[in-house]
Amino acid sequence: MAQKCIRVVNPHVFQDDPARLLRVVHLAARLHFRMDPETTRLAFQSALLISQVSGDRIRNEFLGILSMDGARGYLQVLDHLDLLCRIIPELAPAKGVEQPKEHYWDVWDHSLHAVEFAELVTKGHQNSPIYTLVPWPEEREGYFSQVISNGHNRRTVLKLAALLHDVAKPQTKHT
């Protein structure tokens, strides 16, 4: 605990319950811990097992991860573990798809950053001078904190929408 590190105690932990592939990332996010290299290696090697997990369990763990502050970083961890595109395969075609010059990032990175910005704009005026220029009524925090579906609030659902907002862009892009 003092090292703030999550370490598997059994090399078969992900085979015994593949939902732990998402749970370990969720736990790391919630506790602000990191995964040790062996845990990361085992999770990556076990990524195919995620297909054995029920949709309900995947949804609950994934939305739990999205609900955390710093969700973009945890989405990158899921991608590094080869899990993100296994649970949302529609995201895979976005990798490396260039956008018009008005966009800074490719479709993939743009989608991940959209999650980050959705998180930022729904958290109010927290330590950023730019937010002093944006009106922020107090009731807005309550609005985004309101639970609307399966125990998840509007902020989490907005981050999911931000992640998926360009999901069809690679297939509809004109060259």
C-alpha atoms as a PDB file:
ATOM      1  CA  MET A   1       0.000   0.000   0.000  1.00  0.00           C
ATOM      2  CA  ALA A   2       2.797   2.431   0.871  1.00  0.00           C
ATOM      3  CA  GLN A   3       4.187   2.088  -2.661  1.00  0.00           C
ATOM      4  CA  LYS A   4       0.765   2.859  -4.173  1.00  0.00           C
ATOM      5  CA  CYS A   5       1.113  -0.119  -6.451  1.00  0.00           C
ATOM      6  CA  ILE A   6      -1.353  -2.822  -7.457  1.00  0.00           C
ATOM      7  CA  ARG A   7       0.255  -6.226  -7.796  1.00  0.00           C
ATOM      8  CA  VAL A   8      -1.361  -9.555  -8.623  1.00  0.00           C
ATOM      9  CA  VAL A   9      -0.961 -12.215  -5.959  1.00  0.00           C
ATOM     10  CA  ASN A  10      -1.783 -15.065  -8.316  1.00  0.00           C
ATOM     11  CA  PRO A  11      -0.679 -15.343 -11.983  1.00  0.00           C
ATOM     12  CA  HIS A  12      -4.108 -16.762 -12.877  1.00  0.00           C
ATOM     13  CA  VAL A  13      -6.108 -13.893 -11.389  1.00  0.00           C
ATOM     14  CA  PHE A  14      -7.371 -12.652 -14.783  1.00  0.00           C
ATOM     15  CA  GLN A  15      -8.118 -16.161 -16.039  1.00  0.00           C
ATOM     16  CA  ASP A  16     -10.106 -16.899 -12.884  1.00  0.00           C
ATOM     17  CA  ASP A  17     -12.276 -13.809 -13.437  1.00  0.00           C
ATOM     18  CA  PRO A  18     -11.621 -11.805 -16.618  1.00  0.00           C
ATOM     19  CA  ALA A  19     -13.710  -8.885 -15.275  1.00  0.00           C
ATOM     20  CA  ARG A  20     -10.670  -8.178 -13.116  1.00  0.00           C
ATOM     21  CA  LEU A  21      -8.977  -6.878 -16.284  1.00  0.00           C
ATOM     22  CA  LEU A  22     -11.193  -3.801 -16.020  1.00  0.00           C
ATOM     23  CA  ARG A  23     -11.460  -3.848 -12.257  1.00  0.00           C
ATOM     24  CA  VAL A  24      -7.693  -3.486 -11.817  1.00  0.00           C
ATOM     25  CA  VAL A  25      -7.741  -0.284 -13.890  1.00  0.00           C
ATOM     26  CA  HIS A  26     -10.823   0.965 -12.039  1.00  0.00           C
ATOM     27  CA  LEU A  27      -9.163   0.253  -8.702  1.00  0.00           C
ATOM     28  CA  ALA A  28      -5.950   1.987  -9.789  1.00  0.00           C
ATOM     29  CA  ALA A  29      -8.000   5.017 -10.851  1.00  0.00           C
ATOM     30  CA  ARG A  30      -9.998   5.148  -7.633  1.00  0.00           C
ATOM     31  CA  LEU A  31      -6.977   4.756  -5.358  1.00  0.00           C
ATOM     32  CA  HIS A  32      -4.534   6.766  -7.520  1.00  0.00           C
ATOM     33  CA  PHE A  33      -2.261   3.730  -7.640  1.00  0.00           C
ATOM     34  CA  ARG A  34      -0.261   2.302 -10.512  1.00  0.00           C
ATOM     35  CA  MET A  35      -0.073  -1.274 -11.726  1.00  0.00           C
ATOM     36  CA  ASP A  36       3.257  -3.040 -11.316  1.00  0.00           C
ATOM     37  CA  PRO A  37       4.943  -4.278 -14.527  1.00  0.00           C
ATOM     38  CA  GLU A  38       4.052  -7.940 -13.939  1.00  0.00           C
ATOM     39  CA  THR A  39       0.380  -7.097 -13.415  1.00  0.00           C
ATOM     40  CA  THR A  40       0.450  -4.990 -16.578  1.00  0.00           C
ATOM     41  CA  ARG A  41       2.082  -7.816 -18.534  1.00  0.00           C
ATOM     42  CA  LEU A  42      -0.426 -10.400 -17.298  1.00  0.00           C
ATOM     43  CA  ALA A  43      -3.369  -8.099 -18.044  1.00  0.00           C
ATOM     44  CA  PHE A  44      -2.099  -7.457 -21.576  1.00  0.00           C
ATOM     45  CA  GLN A  45      -1.566 -11.173 -22.182  1.00  0.00           C
ATOM     46  CA  SER A  46      -5.069 -11.908 -20.889  1.00  0.00           C
ATOM     47  CA  ALA A  47      -6.886  -9.204 -22.881  1.00  0.00           C
ATOM     48  CA  LEU A  48      -8.658 -11.718 -25.128  1.00  0.00           C
ATOM     49  CA  LEU A  49     -10.463 -13.069 -22.076  1.00  0.00           C
ATOM     50  CA  ILE A  50     -12.522  -9.869 -21.796  1.00  0.00           C
ATOM     51  CA  SER A  51     -14.901 -11.393 -24.370  1.00  0.00           C
ATOM     52  CA  GLN A  52     -15.993 -13.877 -21.678  1.00  0.00           C
ATOM     53  CA  VAL A  53     -17.309 -11.115 -19.399  1.00  0.00           C
ATOM     54  CA  SER A  54     -20.991 -10.195 -19.426  1.00  0.00           C
ATOM     55  CA  GLY A  55     -21.982  -6.866 -20.915  1.00  0.00           C
ATOM     56  CA  ASP A  56     -23.387  -5.697 -17.582  1.00  0.00           C
ATOM     57  CA  ARG A  57     -20.101  -6.266 -15.776  1.00  0.00           C
ATOM     58  CA  ILE A  58     -18.129  -4.585 -18.568  1.00  0.00           C
ATOM     59  CA  ARG A  59     -20.503  -1.615 -18.532  1.00  0.00           C
ATOM     60  CA  ASN A  60     -20.280  -1.194 -14.769  1.00  0.00           C
ATOM     61  CA  GLU A  61     -16.485  -1.353 -14.614  1.00  0.00           C
ATOM     62  CA  PHE A  62     -16.001   0.775 -17.731  1.00  0.00           C
ATOM     63  CA  LEU A  63     -18.378   3.512 -16.592  1.00  0.00           C
ATOM     64  CA  GLY A  64     -16.723   3.358 -13.185  1.00  0.00           C
ATOM     65  CA  ILE A  65     -13.399   4.100 -14.887  1.00  0.00           C
ATOM     66  CA  LEU A  66     -14.960   6.912 -16.944  1.00  0.00           C
ATOM     67  CA  SER A  67     -16.421   8.436 -13.792  1.00  0.00           C
ATOM     68  CA  MET A  68     -12.959   9.014 -12.318  1.00  0.00           C
ATOM     69  CA  ASP A  69     -11.078  12.286 -12.613  1.00  0.00           C
ATOM     70  CA  GLY A  70      -8.364  11.900 -15.227  1.00  0.00           C
ATOM     71  CA  ALA A  71     -10.435   9.462 -17.291  1.00  0.00           C
ATOM     72  CA  ARG A  72      -8.424  10.129 -20.473  1.00  0.00           C
ATOM     73  CA  GLY A  73      -5.323   8.668 -18.835  1.00  0.00           C
ATOM     74  CA  TYR A  74      -7.209   5.569 -17.733  1.00  0.00           C
ATOM     75  CA  LEU A  75      -8.611   5.137 -21.247  1.00  0.00           C
ATOM     76  CA  GLN A  76      -5.011   5.212 -22.456  1.00  0.00           C
ATOM     77  CA  VAL A  77      -4.159   2.503 -19.910  1.00  0.00           C
ATOM     78  CA  LEU A  78      -7.055   0.394 -21.218  1.00  0.00           C
ATOM     79  CA  ASP A  79      -5.738   0.920 -24.748  1.00  0.00           C
ATOM     80  CA  HIS A  80      -2.188  -0.001 -23.693  1.00  0.00           C
ATOM     81  CA  LEU A  81      -3.596  -3.215 -22.193  1.00  0.00           C
ATOM     82  CA  ASP A  82      -5.389  -3.917 -25.519  1.00  0.00           C
ATOM     83  CA  LEU A  83      -8.762  -3.734 -23.774  1.00  0.00           C
ATOM     84  CA  LEU A  84     -10.422  -0.516 -24.932  1.00  0.00           C
ATOM     85  CA  CYS A  85     -11.009  -1.559 -28.542  1.00  0.00           C
ATOM     86  CA  ARG A  86     -12.002  -5.033 -27.415  1.00  0.00           C
ATOM     87  CA  ILE A  87     -14.867  -3.652 -25.332  1.00  0.00           C
ATOM     88  CA  ILE A  88     -15.738  -0.893 -27.831  1.00  0.00           C
ATOM     89  CA  PRO A  89     -14.500  -2.221 -31.201  1.00  0.00           C
ATOM     90  CA  GLU A  90     -16.047   0.729 -33.037  1.00  0.00           C
ATOM     91  CA  LEU A  91     -13.198   2.885 -31.695  1.00  0.00           C
ATOM     92  CA  ALA A  92     -10.402   0.930 -33.410  1.00  0.00           C
ATOM     93  CA  PRO A  93     -10.787   2.451 -36.903  1.00  0.00           C
ATOM     94  CA  ALA A  94     -10.176   5.938 -35.450  1.00  0.00           C
ATOM     95  CA  LYS A  95      -6.505   5.225 -34.763  1.00  0.00           C
ATOM     96  CA  GLY A  96      -4.282   7.161 -37.139  1.00  0.00           C
ATOM     97  CA  VAL A  97      -7.142   8.738 -39.114  1.00  0.00           C
ATOM     98  CA  GLU A  98      -6.054  12.262 -39.961  1.00  0.00           C
ATOM     99  CA  GLN A  99      -8.467  15.162 -39.734  1.00  0.00           C
ATOM    100  CA  PRO A 100      -8.678  18.504 -41.542  1.00  0.00           C
ATOM    101  CA  LYS A 101      -6.119  21.140 -40.569  1.00  0.00           C
ATOM    102  CA  GLU A 102      -8.599  22.727 -38.150  1.00  0.00           C
ATOM    103  CA  HIS A 103      -8.050  19.741 -35.869  1.00  0.00           C
ATOM    104  CA  TYR A 104      -4.851  19.266 -33.936  1.00  0.00           C
ATOM    105  CA  TRP A 105      -5.170  15.525 -33.269  1.00  0.00           C
ATOM    106  CA  ASP A 106      -6.123  12.503 -35.331  1.00  0.00           C
ATOM    107  CA  VAL A 107      -9.609  11.093 -34.707  1.00  0.00           C
ATOM    108  CA  TRP A 108      -8.376   8.716 -31.984  1.00  0.00           C
ATOM    109  CA  ASP A 109      -6.531  11.321 -29.926  1.00  0.00           C
ATOM    110  CA  HIS A 110      -9.284  13.863 -30.540  1.00  0.00           C
ATOM    111  CA  SER A 111     -11.818  11.434 -29.055  1.00  0.00           C
ATOM    112  CA  LEU A 112      -9.659  10.836 -25.971  1.00  0.00           C
ATOM    113  CA  HIS A 113      -9.084  14.565 -25.502  1.00  0.00           C
ATOM    114  CA  ALA A 114     -12.826  15.191 -25.903  1.00  0.00           C
ATOM    115  CA  VAL A 115     -13.310  13.052 -22.791  1.00  0.00           C
ATOM    116  CA  GLU A 116     -10.747  15.155 -20.950  1.00  0.00           C
ATOM    117  CA  PHE A 117     -12.391  18.423 -21.966  1.00  0.00           C
ATOM    118  CA  ALA A 118     -15.885  17.155 -21.135  1.00  0.00           C
ATOM    119  CA  GLU A 119     -14.533  16.383 -17.686  1.00  0.00           C
ATOM    120  CA  LEU A 120     -12.937  19.811 -17.364  1.00  0.00           C
ATOM    121  CA  VAL A 121     -15.941  21.852 -18.445  1.00  0.00           C
ATOM    122  CA  THR A 122     -18.308  19.992 -16.132  1.00  0.00           C
ATOM    123  CA  LYS A 123     -16.200  20.504 -13.039  1.00  0.00           C
ATOM    124  CA  GLY A 124     -16.593  24.265 -12.791  1.00  0.00           C
ATOM    125  CA  HIS A 125     -13.979  26.873 -12.035  1.00  0.00           C
ATOM    126  CA  GLN A 126     -11.228  24.726 -10.611  1.00  0.00           C
ATOM    127  CA  ASN A 127      -7.808  26.364 -10.601  1.00  0.00           C
ATOM    128  CA  SER A 128      -7.885  27.652 -14.162  1.00  0.00           C
ATOM    129  CA  PRO A 129      -8.076  31.341 -15.046  1.00  0.00           C
ATOM    130  CA  ILE A 130      -9.830  30.548 -18.340  1.00  0.00           C
ATOM    131  CA  TYR A 131     -12.884  29.382 -16.424  1.00  0.00           C
ATOM    132  CA  THR A 132     -13.325  32.838 -14.908  1.00  0.00           C
ATOM    133  CA  LEU A 133     -14.482  33.887 -18.389  1.00  0.00           C
ATOM    134  CA  VAL A 134     -17.175  31.211 -18.546  1.00  0.00           C
ATOM    135  CA  PRO A 135     -20.386  31.727 -16.597  1.00  0.00           C
ATOM    136  CA  TRP A 136     -20.819  28.878 -14.134  1.00  0.00           C
ATOM    137  CA  PRO A 137     -24.084  28.926 -12.213  1.00  0.00           C
ATOM    138  CA  GLU A 138     -23.913  26.897  -9.017  1.00  0.00           C
ATOM    139  CA  GLU A 139     -26.787  24.673 -10.127  1.00  0.00           C
ATOM    140  CA  ARG A 140     -24.686  23.382 -13.043  1.00  0.00           C
ATOM    141  CA  GLU A 141     -22.561  21.257 -10.680  1.00  0.00           C
ATOM    142  CA  GLY A 142     -25.731  19.664  -9.334  1.00  0.00           C
ATOM    143  CA  TYR A 143     -26.955  19.036 -12.867  1.00  0.00           C
ATOM    144  CA  PHE A 144     -23.837  17.116 -13.919  1.00  0.00           C
ATOM    145  CA  SER A 145     -23.686  15.258 -10.604  1.00  0.00           C
ATOM    146  CA  GLN A 146     -27.276  14.040 -10.910  1.00  0.00           C
ATOM    147  CA  VAL A 147     -27.523  10.242 -11.193  1.00  0.00           C
ATOM    148  CA  ILE A 148     -29.508   9.343 -14.304  1.00  0.00           C
ATOM    149  CA  SER A 149     -28.758   5.739 -15.272  1.00  0.00           C
ATOM    150  CA  ASN A 150     -27.634   2.612 -13.414  1.00  0.00           C
ATOM    151  CA  GLY A 151     -26.005   4.672 -10.683  1.00  0.00           C
ATOM    152  CA  HIS A 152     -24.050   6.873 -13.100  1.00  0.00           C
ATOM    153  CA  ASN A 153     -24.276  10.634 -13.298  1.00  0.00           C
ATOM    154  CA  ARG A 154     -24.607  13.029 -16.213  1.00  0.00           C
ATOM    155  CA  ARG A 155     -20.867  13.821 -16.120  1.00  0.00           C
ATOM    156  CA  THR A 156     -19.982  10.171 -16.752  1.00  0.00           C
ATOM    157  CA  VAL A 157     -22.577   9.825 -19.510  1.00  0.00           C
ATOM    158  CA  LEU A 158     -21.275  13.027 -21.124  1.00  0.00           C
ATOM    159  CA  LYS A 159     -17.731  11.618 -21.062  1.00  0.00           C
ATOM    160  CA  LEU A 160     -19.007   8.449 -22.756  1.00  0.00           C
ATOM    161  CA  ALA A 161     -20.738  10.572 -25.402  1.00  0.00           C
ATOM    162  CA  ALA A 162     -17.524  12.558 -25.899  1.00  0.00           C
ATOM    163  CA  LEU A 163     -15.561   9.334 -26.410  1.00  0.00           C
ATOM    164  CA  LEU A 164     -18.040   8.064 -28.993  1.00  0.00           C
ATOM    165  CA  HIS A 165     -18.939  11.331 -30.736  1.00  0.00           C
ATOM    166  CA  ASP A 166     -16.730  10.692 -33.810  1.00  0.00           C
ATOM    167  CA  VAL A 167     -17.016   6.912 -33.886  1.00  0.00           C
ATOM    168  CA  ALA A 168     -18.313   6.897 -37.495  1.00  0.00           C
ATOM    169  CA  LYS A 169     -15.872   9.495 -38.818  1.00  0.00           C
ATOM    170  CA  PRO A 170     -13.295   6.994 -40.165  1.00  0.00           C
ATOM    171  CA  GLN A 171     -15.938   5.150 -42.202  1.00  0.00           C
ATOM    172  CA  THR A 172     -17.516   8.333 -43.574  1.00  0.00           C
ATOM    173  CA  LYS A 173     -14.352  10.344 -44.231  1.00  0.00           C
ATOM    174  CA  HIS A 174     -13.977  11.592 -47.787  1.00  0.00           C
ATOM    175  CA  THR A 175     -10.475  11.626 -49.222  1.00  0.00           C
END
